PDB file of N, CA and C in Angstrom:
ATOM      1  N   MET A   1      -4.169   9.993   7.924  1.00  0.00           N
ATOM      2  CA  MET A   1      -4.144   8.551   8.028  1.00  0.00           C
ATOM      3  C   MET A   1      -2.702   8.075   7.896  1.00  0.00           C
ATOM      4  N   ASN A   2      -2.322   7.151   8.722  1.00  0.00           N
ATOM      5  CA  ASN A   2      -0.951   6.637   8.727  1.00  0.00           C
ATOM      6  C   ASN A   2      -0.866   5.359   7.900  1.00  0.00           C
ATOM      7  N   LEU A   3      -0.607   5.508   6.615  1.00  0.00           N
ATOM      8  CA  LEU A   3      -0.486   4.342   5.739  1.00  0.00           C
ATOM      9  C   LEU A   3       0.857   3.662   5.938  1.00  0.00           C
ATOM     10  N   ARG A   4       0.857   2.360   5.800  1.00  0.00           N
ATOM     11  CA  ARG A   4       2.095   1.591   5.926  1.00  0.00           C
ATOM     12  C   ARG A   4       2.652   1.179   4.574  1.00  0.00           C
ATOM     13  N   ILE A   5       2.172   1.789   3.507  1.00  0.00           N
ATOM     14  CA  ILE A   5       2.574   1.331   2.177  1.00  0.00           C
ATOM     15  C   ILE A   5       4.044   1.576   1.889  1.00  0.00           C
ATOM     16  N   ARG A   6       4.599   2.633   2.438  1.00  0.00           N
ATOM     17  CA  ARG A   6       6.027   2.886   2.212  1.00  0.00           C
ATOM     18  C   ARG A   6       6.878   1.823   2.899  1.00  0.00           C
ATOM     19  N   ASP A   7       6.552   1.534   4.154  1.00  0.00           N
ATOM     20  CA  ASP A   7       7.307   0.520   4.894  1.00  0.00           C
ATOM     21  C   ASP A   7       7.235  -0.837   4.199  1.00  0.00           C
ATOM     22  N   LEU A   8       6.052  -1.215   3.751  1.00  0.00           N
ATOM     23  CA  LEU A   8       5.894  -2.499   3.066  1.00  0.00           C
ATOM     24  C   LEU A   8       6.690  -2.523   1.768  1.00  0.00           C
ATOM     25  N   ARG A   9       6.662  -1.430   1.038  1.00  0.00           N
ATOM     26  CA  ARG A   9       7.421  -1.359  -0.219  1.00  0.00           C
ATOM     27  C   ARG A   9       8.910  -1.485   0.043  1.00  0.00           C
ATOM     28  N   GLU A  10       9.402  -0.723   1.016  1.00  0.00           N
ATOM     29  CA  GLU A  10      10.832  -0.763   1.327  1.00  0.00           C
ATOM     30  C   GLU A  10      11.250  -2.129   1.872  1.00  0.00           C
ATOM     31  N   ASP A  11      10.398  -2.741   2.696  1.00  0.00           N
ATOM     32  CA  ASP A  11      10.701  -4.077   3.223  1.00  0.00           C
ATOM     33  C   ASP A  11      10.788  -5.112   2.105  1.00  0.00           C
ATOM     34  N   SER A  12      10.087  -4.857   1.019  1.00  0.00           N
ATOM     35  CA  SER A  12      10.088  -5.771  -0.132  1.00  0.00           C
ATOM     36  C   SER A  12      11.144  -5.401  -1.171  1.00  0.00           C
ATOM     37  N   ASP A  13      11.964  -4.389  -0.850  1.00  0.00           N
ATOM     38  CA  ASP A  13      13.023  -3.923  -1.762  1.00  0.00           C
ATOM     39  C   ASP A  13      12.483  -3.559  -3.139  1.00  0.00           C
ATOM     40  N   LEU A  14      11.366  -2.831  -3.152  1.00  0.00           N
ATOM     41  CA  LEU A  14      10.753  -2.373  -4.395  1.00  0.00           C
ATOM     42  C   LEU A  14      10.884  -0.868  -4.519  1.00  0.00           C
ATOM     43  N   THR A  15      10.875  -0.397  -5.741  1.00  0.00           N
ATOM     44  CA  THR A  15      10.879   1.049  -5.976  1.00  0.00           C
ATOM     45  C   THR A  15       9.438   1.530  -6.094  1.00  0.00           C
ATOM     46  N   GLN A  16       9.261   2.834  -5.961  1.00  0.00           N
ATOM     47  CA  GLN A  16       7.934   3.408  -6.158  1.00  0.00           C
ATOM     48  C   GLN A  16       7.452   3.119  -7.574  1.00  0.00           C
ATOM     49  N   LYS A  17       8.349   3.166  -8.527  1.00  0.00           N
ATOM     50  CA  LYS A  17       7.989   2.912  -9.927  1.00  0.00           C
ATOM     51  C   LYS A  17       7.454   1.505 -10.110  1.00  0.00           C
ATOM     52  N   GLN A  18       8.071   0.530  -9.470  1.00  0.00           N
ATOM     53  CA  GLN A  18       7.611  -0.850  -9.586  1.00  0.00           C
ATOM     54  C   GLN A  18       6.192  -1.022  -9.028  1.00  0.00           C
ATOM     55  N   VAL A  19       5.944  -0.420  -7.886  1.00  0.00           N
ATOM     56  CA  VAL A  19       4.606  -0.520  -7.281  1.00  0.00           C
ATOM     57  C   VAL A  19       3.596   0.256  -8.118  1.00  0.00           C
ATOM     58  N   ALA A  20       3.982   1.432  -8.588  1.00  0.00           N
ATOM     59  CA  ALA A  20       3.097   2.225  -9.437  1.00  0.00           C
ATOM     60  C   ALA A  20       2.747   1.460 -10.712  1.00  0.00           C
ATOM     61  N   ASP A  21       3.716   0.778 -11.305  1.00  0.00           N
ATOM     62  CA  ASP A  21       3.449  -0.030 -12.489  1.00  0.00           C
ATOM     63  C   ASP A  21       2.446  -1.140 -12.175  1.00  0.00           C
ATOM     64  N   TYR A  22       2.571  -1.758 -11.012  1.00  0.00           N
ATOM     65  CA  TYR A  22       1.628  -2.798 -10.595  1.00  0.00           C
ATOM     66  C   TYR A  22       0.212  -2.225 -10.476  1.00  0.00           C
ATOM     67  N   LEU A  23       0.117  -1.008  -9.934  1.00  0.00           N
ATOM     68  CA  LEU A  23      -1.194  -0.373  -9.765  1.00  0.00           C
ATOM     69  C   LEU A  23      -1.702   0.283 -11.051  1.00  0.00           C
ATOM     70  N   ILE A  24      -0.823   0.374 -12.030  1.00  0.00           N
ATOM     71  CA  ILE A  24      -1.114   1.052 -13.301  1.00  0.00           C
ATOM     72  C   ILE A  24      -1.433   2.530 -13.031  1.00  0.00           C
ATOM     73  N   CYS A  25      -0.479   3.196 -12.384  1.00  0.00           N
ATOM     74  CA  CYS A  25      -0.577   4.635 -12.143  1.00  0.00           C
ATOM     75  C   CYS A  25       0.818   5.248 -12.268  1.00  0.00           C
ATOM     76  N   ASP A  26       0.891   6.558 -12.301  1.00  0.00           N
ATOM     77  CA  ASP A  26       2.182   7.243 -12.389  1.00  0.00           C
ATOM     78  C   ASP A  26       2.941   7.136 -11.073  1.00  0.00           C
ATOM     79  N   GLN A  27       4.254   7.094 -11.173  1.00  0.00           N
ATOM     80  CA  GLN A  27       5.096   7.049  -9.971  1.00  0.00           C
ATOM     81  C   GLN A  27       4.884   8.286  -9.129  1.00  0.00           C
ATOM     82  N   SER A  28       4.700   9.441  -9.751  1.00  0.00           N
ATOM     83  CA  SER A  28       4.507  10.680  -8.989  1.00  0.00           C
ATOM     84  C   SER A  28       3.208  10.636  -8.180  1.00  0.00           C
ATOM     85  N   LEU A  29       2.170  10.031  -8.731  1.00  0.00           N
ATOM     86  CA  LEU A  29       0.912   9.886  -7.999  1.00  0.00           C
ATOM     87  C   LEU A  29       1.082   8.917  -6.840  1.00  0.00           C
ATOM     88  N   TYR A  30       1.749   7.801  -7.094  1.00  0.00           N
ATOM     89  CA  TYR A  30       1.986   6.832  -6.023  1.00  0.00           C
ATOM     90  C   TYR A  30       2.796   7.469  -4.894  1.00  0.00           C
ATOM     91  N   SER A  31       3.771   8.284  -5.250  1.00  0.00           N
ATOM     92  CA  SER A  31       4.577   8.972  -4.250  1.00  0.00           C
ATOM     93  C   SER A  31       3.705   9.839  -3.342  1.00  0.00           C
ATOM     94  N   LYS A  32       2.709  10.470  -3.919  1.00  0.00           N
ATOM     95  CA  LYS A  32       1.784  11.305  -3.126  1.00  0.00           C
ATOM     96  C   LYS A  32       0.958  10.453  -2.170  1.00  0.00           C
ATOM     97  N   TYR A  33       0.614   9.242  -2.573  1.00  0.00           N
ATOM     98  CA  TYR A  33      -0.089   8.336  -1.657  1.00  0.00           C
ATOM     99  C   TYR A  33       0.796   8.010  -0.465  1.00  0.00           C
ATOM    100  N   GLU A  34       2.070   7.708  -0.736  1.00  0.00           N
ATOM    101  CA  GLU A  34       2.993   7.372   0.353  1.00  0.00           C
ATOM    102  C   GLU A  34       3.186   8.539   1.306  1.00  0.00           C
ATOM    103  N   ARG A  35       3.247   9.746   0.784  1.00  0.00           N
ATOM    104  CA  ARG A  35       3.466  10.922   1.630  1.00  0.00           C
ATOM    105  C   ARG A  35       2.182  11.433   2.272  1.00  0.00           C
ATOM    106  N   GLY A  36       1.048  10.873   1.914  1.00  0.00           N
ATOM    107  CA  GLY A  36      -0.221  11.300   2.493  1.00  0.00           C
ATOM    108  C   GLY A  36      -0.778  12.566   1.869  1.00  0.00           C
ATOM    109  N   GLU A  37      -0.268  12.939   0.710  1.00  0.00           N
ATOM    110  CA  GLU A  37      -0.747  14.134   0.026  1.00  0.00           C
ATOM    111  C   GLU A  37      -2.017  13.860  -0.773  1.00  0.00           C
ATOM    112  N   ARG A  38      -2.256  12.597  -1.077  1.00  0.00           N
ATOM    113  CA  ARG A  38      -3.476  12.180  -1.776  1.00  0.00           C
ATOM    114  C   ARG A  38      -4.034  10.969  -1.052  1.00  0.00           C
ATOM    115  N   GLU A  39      -5.354  10.842  -1.058  1.00  0.00           N
ATOM    116  CA  GLU A  39      -6.008   9.679  -0.451  1.00  0.00           C
ATOM    117  C   GLU A  39      -5.816   8.459  -1.349  1.00  0.00           C
ATOM    118  N   LEU A  40      -5.449   7.349  -0.757  1.00  0.00           N
ATOM    119  CA  LEU A  40      -5.288   6.107  -1.489  1.00  0.00           C
ATOM    120  C   LEU A  40      -6.672   5.544  -1.800  1.00  0.00           C
ATOM    121  N   PRO A  41      -7.010   5.388  -3.086  1.00  0.00           N
ATOM    122  CA  PRO A  41      -8.318   4.830  -3.433  1.00  0.00           C
ATOM    123  C   PRO A  41      -8.483   3.410  -2.877  1.00  0.00           C
ATOM    124  N   LEU A  42      -9.699   3.066  -2.520  1.00  0.00           N
ATOM    125  CA  LEU A  42      -9.977   1.752  -1.954  1.00  0.00           C
ATOM    126  C   LEU A  42      -9.517   0.628  -2.874  1.00  0.00           C
ATOM    127  N   ILE A  43      -9.722   0.758  -4.148  1.00  0.00           N
ATOM    128  CA  ILE A  43      -9.323  -0.297  -5.087  1.00  0.00           C
ATOM    129  C   ILE A  43      -7.812  -0.525  -5.046  1.00  0.00           C
ATOM    130  N   TYR A  44      -7.039   0.541  -4.878  1.00  0.00           N
ATOM    131  CA  TYR A  44      -5.586   0.401  -4.749  1.00  0.00           C
ATOM    132  C   TYR A  44      -5.216  -0.219  -3.410  1.00  0.00           C
ATOM    133  N   ALA A  45      -5.931   0.147  -2.359  1.00  0.00           N
ATOM    134  CA  ALA A  45      -5.665  -0.434  -1.039  1.00  0.00           C
ATOM    135  C   ALA A  45      -5.883  -1.942  -1.073  1.00  0.00           C
ATOM    136  N   VAL A  46      -6.943  -2.371  -1.719  1.00  0.00           N
ATOM    137  CA  VAL A  46      -7.226  -3.803  -1.831  1.00  0.00           C
ATOM    138  C   VAL A  46      -6.143  -4.498  -2.647  1.00  0.00           C
ATOM    139  N   LYS A  47      -5.749  -3.895  -3.774  1.00  0.00           N
ATOM    140  CA  LYS A  47      -4.699  -4.490  -4.607  1.00  0.00           C
ATOM    141  C   LYS A  47      -3.382  -4.598  -3.841  1.00  0.00           C
ATOM    142  N   LEU A  48      -3.043  -3.547  -3.093  1.00  0.00           N
ATOM    143  CA  LEU A  48      -1.791  -3.566  -2.341  1.00  0.00           C
ATOM    144  C   LEU A  48      -1.848  -4.577  -1.198  1.00  0.00           C
ATOM    145  N   ALA A  49      -2.983  -4.697  -0.546  1.00  0.00           N
ATOM    146  CA  ALA A  49      -3.119  -5.686   0.532  1.00  0.00           C
ATOM    147  C   ALA A  49      -2.906  -7.092  -0.021  1.00  0.00           C
ATOM    148  N   ARG A  50      -3.463  -7.371  -1.176  1.00  0.00           N
ATOM    149  CA  ARG A  50      -3.267  -8.688  -1.800  1.00  0.00           C
ATOM    150  C   ARG A  50      -1.808  -8.869  -2.222  1.00  0.00           C
ATOM    151  N   PHE A  51      -1.227  -7.829  -2.790  1.00  0.00           N
ATOM    152  CA  PHE A  51       0.152  -7.873  -3.257  1.00  0.00           C
ATOM    153  C   PHE A  51       1.118  -8.170  -2.110  1.00  0.00           C
ATOM    154  N   TYR A  52       0.917  -7.497  -0.977  1.00  0.00           N
ATOM    155  CA  TYR A  52       1.801  -7.662   0.180  1.00  0.00           C
ATOM    156  C   TYR A  52       1.337  -8.769   1.123  1.00  0.00           C
ATOM    157  N   LYS A  53       0.235  -9.443   0.759  1.00  0.00           N
ATOM    158  CA  LYS A  53      -0.314 -10.544   1.568  1.00  0.00           C
ATOM    159  C   LYS A  53      -0.611 -10.080   2.996  1.00  0.00           C
ATOM    160  N   THR A  54      -1.350  -8.994   3.090  1.00  0.00           N
ATOM    161  CA  THR A  54      -1.761  -8.449   4.372  1.00  0.00           C
ATOM    162  C   THR A  54      -3.208  -7.999   4.258  1.00  0.00           C
ATOM    163  N   SER A  55      -3.698  -7.276   5.246  1.00  0.00           N
ATOM    164  CA  SER A  55      -5.085  -6.793   5.208  1.00  0.00           C
ATOM    165  C   SER A  55      -5.105  -5.287   4.947  1.00  0.00           C
ATOM    166  N   VAL A  56      -6.227  -4.816   4.473  1.00  0.00           N
ATOM    167  CA  VAL A  56      -6.405  -3.374   4.287  1.00  0.00           C
ATOM    168  C   VAL A  56      -6.325  -2.684   5.645  1.00  0.00           C
ATOM    169  N   ASP A  57      -6.856  -3.319   6.683  1.00  0.00           N
ATOM    170  CA  ASP A  57      -6.786  -2.740   8.030  1.00  0.00           C
ATOM    171  C   ASP A  57      -5.334  -2.491   8.438  1.00  0.00           C
ATOM    172  N   TYR A  58      -4.442  -3.414   8.113  1.00  0.00           N
ATOM    173  CA  TYR A  58      -3.031  -3.220   8.439  1.00  0.00           C
ATOM    174  C   TYR A  58      -2.449  -2.068   7.620  1.00  0.00           C
ATOM    175  N   LEU A  59      -2.795  -2.019   6.330  1.00  0.00           N
ATOM    176  CA  LEU A  59      -2.287  -0.948   5.464  1.00  0.00           C
ATOM    177  C   LEU A  59      -2.611   0.433   6.002  1.00  0.00           C
ATOM    178  N   VAL A  60      -3.824   0.585   6.522  1.00  0.00           N
ATOM    179  CA  VAL A  60      -4.269   1.909   6.968  1.00  0.00           C
ATOM    180  C   VAL A  60      -4.051   2.140   8.461  1.00  0.00           C
ATOM    181  N   GLY A  61      -3.415   1.204   9.137  1.00  0.00           N
ATOM    182  CA  GLY A  61      -3.047   1.415  10.530  1.00  0.00           C
ATOM    183  C   GLY A  61      -4.132   1.115  11.547  1.00  0.00           C
ATOM    184  N   LEU A  62      -5.145   0.340  11.179  1.00  0.00           N
ATOM    185  CA  LEU A  62      -6.214   0.012  12.124  1.00  0.00           C
ATOM    186  C   LEU A  62      -5.883  -1.192  12.992  1.00  0.00           C
ATOM    187  N   THR A  63      -4.866  -1.948  12.598  1.00  0.00           N
ATOM    188  CA  THR A  63      -4.431  -3.100  13.374  1.00  0.00           C
ATOM    189  C   THR A  63      -2.917  -3.231  13.251  1.00  0.00           C
ATOM    190  N   LYS A  64      -2.325  -3.881  14.233  1.00  0.00           N
ATOM    191  CA  LYS A  64      -0.896  -4.169  14.174  1.00  0.00           C
ATOM    192  C   LYS A  64      -0.644  -5.574  13.635  1.00  0.00           C
ATOM    193  N   GLU A  65      -1.730  -6.319  13.428  1.00  0.00           N
ATOM    194  CA  GLU A  65      -1.643  -7.697  12.918  1.00  0.00           C
ATOM    195  C   GLU A  65      -1.393  -7.671  11.424  1.00  0.00           C
ATOM    196  N   LYS A  66      -0.219  -8.108  11.013  1.00  0.00           N
ATOM    197  CA  LYS A  66       0.172  -8.038   9.603  1.00  0.00           C
ATOM    198  C   LYS A  66      -0.470  -9.141   8.766  1.00  0.00           C
ATOM    199  N   LYS A  67      -0.781 -10.273   9.384  1.00  0.00           N
ATOM    200  CA  LYS A  67      -1.358 -11.390   8.647  1.00  0.00           C
ATOM    201  C   LYS A  67      -2.767 -11.014   8.165  1.00  0.00           C
ATOM    202  N   PRO A  68      -3.111 -11.459   6.947  1.00  0.00           N
ATOM    203  CA  PRO A  68      -4.465 -11.169   6.447  1.00  0.00           C
ATOM    204  C   PRO A  68      -5.505 -11.992   7.204  1.00  0.00           C
ATOM    205  N   TYR A  69      -6.739 -11.550   7.119  1.00  0.00           N
ATOM    206  CA  TYR A  69      -7.846 -12.289   7.731  1.00  0.00           C
ATOM    207  C   TYR A  69      -8.093 -13.562   6.963  1.00  0.00           C
ATOM    208  N   ARG A  70      -8.646 -14.538   7.636  1.00  0.00           N
ATOM    209  CA  ARG A  70      -9.011 -15.776   6.954  1.00  0.00           C
ATOM    210  C   ARG A  70     -10.229 -15.511   6.079  1.00  0.00           C
ATOM    211  N   PRO A  71     -10.249 -16.132   4.900  1.00  0.00           N
ATOM    212  CA  PRO A  71     -11.421 -15.927   4.021  1.00  0.00           C
ATOM    213  C   PRO A  71     -12.659 -16.616   4.562  1.00  0.00           C
TER     214      PRO A  71
END
C-alpha cells in the first residue's frame, strides 16, 4: 500500500517523533508505518486524516483529492 503519511509529515515540517507523540506510539513504530514495514492501524489512519485535514482515502492512495469529504 502506498501511504502518503511521510509526504504529509514532511510538507508540515514535522518530525517522526512529533507525529508519533500525537499518535501516542514509539517513533520507531511510526517509522515502520512510513516505510510500509507495518500496517497502519485504522484508528491511526483516522487520527492522521483528521490531523492533516484530509481523508483516509487520500492517506492510503485511493484518491488524488486531498480535501476531506463533506460530513
